[in-house]
Amino acid sequence: NSAYPANGFSCSLAALGGDPKSGAPTPQSAQMLSPDLSAGHKAGYTFAITNCQKVTINNQDMITSFEITAVPDAVGKTGDNGYCSDENNAIRQDPTGGTNCTQPIQ
């Protein structure tokens, strides 16, 4: 959001990745995440960005909100809790390993 204010937040993990050898960062290839995380998998968890809301200003879409989730690939083996966050940076958890994140992290 701060790097590309005209675009707002990203609604794609892939857009947050990118190869630094391909040139300067762009909104479509921000080079902020490692290749495994930008592909949606890291450390036994699957990551996704969902529930994006956008507004269009001067024919430019701007993402104003999102939710990011991280759930274990195998509950009880690669992790126990699911985690969720949004544009407000509040991290919540789902103790069953899903995306029903109702409990705040303490």
C-alpha atoms as a PDB file:
ATOM      1  CA  ASN A   1       0.000   0.000   0.000  1.00  0.00           C
ATOM      2  CA  SER A   2       2.742   2.473   0.876  1.00  0.00           C
ATOM      3  CA  ALA A   3       5.020   1.419  -2.000  1.00  0.00           C
ATOM      4  CA  TYR A   4       2.279   1.789  -4.653  1.00  0.00           C
ATOM      5  CA  PRO A   5      -0.378   4.139  -3.233  1.00  0.00           C
ATOM      6  CA  ALA A   6      -2.189   4.473  -6.574  1.00  0.00           C
ATOM      7  CA  ASN A   7      -2.787   0.689  -6.503  1.00  0.00           C
ATOM      8  CA  GLY A   8      -3.440   0.314  -2.779  1.00  0.00           C
ATOM      9  CA  PHE A   9      -2.902  -3.116  -1.267  1.00  0.00           C
ATOM     10  CA  SER A  10      -2.035  -6.187  -3.288  1.00  0.00           C
ATOM     11  CA  CYS A  11      -4.678  -8.859  -3.783  1.00  0.00           C
ATOM     12  CA  SER A  12      -2.147 -11.390  -5.057  1.00  0.00           C
ATOM     13  CA  LEU A  13       0.755 -13.134  -3.364  1.00  0.00           C
ATOM     14  CA  ALA A  14       2.351 -13.562  -6.794  1.00  0.00           C
ATOM     15  CA  ALA A  15       2.363  -9.766  -7.294  1.00  0.00           C
ATOM     16  CA  LEU A  16       4.258  -9.401  -4.015  1.00  0.00           C
ATOM     17  CA  GLY A  17       6.971 -11.733  -5.317  1.00  0.00           C
ATOM     18  CA  GLY A  18       9.082 -11.395  -8.411  1.00  0.00           C
ATOM     19  CA  ASP A  19      12.652 -11.879  -9.529  1.00  0.00           C
ATOM     20  CA  PRO A  20      15.028  -9.009  -8.675  1.00  0.00           C
ATOM     21  CA  LYS A  21      17.046  -9.913 -11.805  1.00  0.00           C
ATOM     22  CA  SER A  22      14.053  -8.969 -13.978  1.00  0.00           C
ATOM     23  CA  GLY A  23      14.385  -5.244 -13.303  1.00  0.00           C
ATOM     24  CA  ALA A  24      13.002  -2.727 -10.866  1.00  0.00           C
ATOM     25  CA  PRO A  25      10.016  -3.646  -8.662  1.00  0.00           C
ATOM     26  CA  THR A  26       6.537  -2.862 -10.003  1.00  0.00           C
ATOM     27  CA  PRO A  27       3.003  -3.210  -8.611  1.00  0.00           C
ATOM     28  CA  GLN A  28       2.752  -6.530 -10.512  1.00  0.00           C
ATOM     29  CA  SER A  29       6.169  -7.773  -9.316  1.00  0.00           C
ATOM     30  CA  ALA A  30       6.996  -5.963  -6.068  1.00  0.00           C
ATOM     31  CA  GLN A  31       9.866  -8.307  -5.069  1.00  0.00           C
ATOM     32  CA  MET A  32       8.818  -8.239  -1.394  1.00  0.00           C
ATOM     33  CA  LEU A  33       8.281 -11.981  -0.827  1.00  0.00           C
ATOM     34  CA  SER A  34      10.412 -15.072  -1.347  1.00  0.00           C
ATOM     35  CA  PRO A  35       9.433 -17.332  -4.283  1.00  0.00           C
ATOM     36  CA  ASP A  36       7.930 -20.052  -2.049  1.00  0.00           C
ATOM     37  CA  LEU A  37       5.763 -17.616  -0.105  1.00  0.00           C
ATOM     38  CA  SER A  38       4.672 -15.733  -3.231  1.00  0.00           C
ATOM     39  CA  ALA A  39       3.602 -19.130  -4.660  1.00  0.00           C
ATOM     40  CA  GLY A  40       1.382 -19.611  -1.595  1.00  0.00           C
ATOM     41  CA  HIS A  41       3.343 -22.207   0.400  1.00  0.00           C
ATOM     42  CA  LYS A  42       5.934 -21.896   3.146  1.00  0.00           C
ATOM     43  CA  ALA A  43       6.907 -23.865   6.259  1.00  0.00           C
ATOM     44  CA  GLY A  44       3.985 -26.300   6.020  1.00  0.00           C
ATOM     45  CA  TYR A  45       1.346 -23.593   5.576  1.00  0.00           C
ATOM     46  CA  THR A  46      -0.763 -22.487   2.617  1.00  0.00           C
ATOM     47  CA  PHE A  47      -1.146 -18.717   2.300  1.00  0.00           C
ATOM     48  CA  ALA A  48      -3.831 -16.807   0.382  1.00  0.00           C
ATOM     49  CA  ILE A  49      -5.110 -13.261  -0.015  1.00  0.00           C
ATOM     50  CA  THR A  50      -8.913 -13.085  -0.203  1.00  0.00           C
ATOM     51  CA  ASN A  51     -11.892 -10.781   0.341  1.00  0.00           C
ATOM     52  CA  CYS A  52     -10.300  -7.875  -1.495  1.00  0.00           C
ATOM     53  CA  GLN A  53     -12.356  -4.715  -1.838  1.00  0.00           C
ATOM     54  CA  LYS A  54     -11.517  -2.113  -4.442  1.00  0.00           C
ATOM     55  CA  VAL A  55     -12.520   1.301  -5.641  1.00  0.00           C
ATOM     56  CA  THR A  56     -11.856   2.731  -9.069  1.00  0.00           C
ATOM     57  CA  ILE A  57     -10.407   6.237  -9.249  1.00  0.00           C
ATOM     58  CA  ASN A  58      -9.556   7.794 -12.636  1.00  0.00           C
ATOM     59  CA  ASN A  59      -9.835   4.356 -14.298  1.00  0.00           C
ATOM     60  CA  GLN A  60      -7.295   2.916 -11.805  1.00  0.00           C
ATOM     61  CA  ASP A  61      -8.368   0.107  -9.467  1.00  0.00           C
ATOM     62  CA  MET A  62      -7.213   0.624  -5.877  1.00  0.00           C
ATOM     63  CA  ILE A  63      -7.455  -2.251  -3.380  1.00  0.00           C
ATOM     64  CA  THR A  64      -8.644  -0.781  -0.076  1.00  0.00           C
ATOM     65  CA  SER A  65      -9.013  -3.912   2.054  1.00  0.00           C
ATOM     66  CA  PHE A  66      -8.062  -7.598   2.103  1.00  0.00           C
ATOM     67  CA  GLU A  67      -7.742 -10.652   4.296  1.00  0.00           C
ATOM     68  CA  ILE A  68      -4.685 -12.884   4.301  1.00  0.00           C
ATOM     69  CA  THR A  69      -4.915 -16.434   5.611  1.00  0.00           C
ATOM     70  CA  ALA A  70      -2.375 -19.075   6.566  1.00  0.00           C
ATOM     71  CA  VAL A  71      -3.590 -22.612   7.200  1.00  0.00           C
ATOM     72  CA  PRO A  72      -1.583 -25.778   7.882  1.00  0.00           C
ATOM     73  CA  ASP A  73      -1.120 -28.131   4.935  1.00  0.00           C
ATOM     74  CA  ALA A  74      -1.856 -30.995   7.346  1.00  0.00           C
ATOM     75  CA  VAL A  75      -3.525 -29.998  10.624  1.00  0.00           C
ATOM     76  CA  GLY A  76      -1.680 -31.553  13.533  1.00  0.00           C
ATOM     77  CA  LYS A  77       1.391 -32.316  11.413  1.00  0.00           C
ATOM     78  CA  THR A  78       2.563 -29.082   9.767  1.00  0.00           C
ATOM     79  CA  GLY A  79       0.707 -26.822  12.192  1.00  0.00           C
ATOM     80  CA  ASP A  80      -2.298 -26.646  14.487  1.00  0.00           C
ATOM     81  CA  ASN A  81      -3.809 -23.178  14.086  1.00  0.00           C
ATOM     82  CA  GLY A  82      -5.055 -21.215  11.126  1.00  0.00           C
ATOM     83  CA  TYR A  83      -4.161 -17.522  11.067  1.00  0.00           C
ATOM     84  CA  CYS A  84      -5.820 -14.502   9.500  1.00  0.00           C
ATOM     85  CA  SER A  85      -4.983 -10.832   9.218  1.00  0.00           C
ATOM     86  CA  ASP A  86      -6.312  -7.856   7.324  1.00  0.00           C
ATOM     87  CA  GLU A  87      -5.408  -4.304   6.344  1.00  0.00           C
ATOM     88  CA  ASN A  88      -5.675  -3.277  10.010  1.00  0.00           C
ATOM     89  CA  ASN A  89      -2.821  -5.673  10.968  1.00  0.00           C
ATOM     90  CA  ALA A  90      -4.871  -7.501  13.608  1.00  0.00           C
ATOM     91  CA  ILE A  91      -3.808 -11.165  13.669  1.00  0.00           C
ATOM     92  CA  ARG A  92      -6.441 -13.687  14.738  1.00  0.00           C
ATOM     93  CA  GLN A  93      -6.348 -17.464  14.921  1.00  0.00           C
ATOM     94  CA  ASP A  94      -8.559 -20.476  14.297  1.00  0.00           C
ATOM     95  CA  PRO A  95      -7.572 -23.239  16.731  1.00  0.00           C
ATOM     96  CA  THR A  96      -9.077 -25.864  14.380  1.00  0.00           C
ATOM     97  CA  GLY A  97      -6.575 -24.977  11.639  1.00  0.00           C
ATOM     98  CA  GLY A  98      -9.038 -23.291   9.289  1.00  0.00           C
ATOM     99  CA  THR A  99      -9.900 -19.747   8.263  1.00  0.00           C
ATOM    100  CA  ASN A 100     -12.636 -19.080  10.849  1.00  0.00           C
ATOM    101  CA  CYS A 101     -10.281 -16.797  12.747  1.00  0.00           C
ATOM    102  CA  THR A 102     -12.245 -15.490  15.696  1.00  0.00           C
ATOM    103  CA  GLN A 103      -9.661 -15.611  18.478  1.00  0.00           C
ATOM    104  CA  PRO A 104      -7.111 -12.817  18.873  1.00  0.00           C
ATOM    105  CA  ILE A 105      -3.466 -13.805  19.269  1.00  0.00           C
ATOM    106  CA  GLN A 106      -2.419 -13.071  22.820  1.00  0.00           C
END
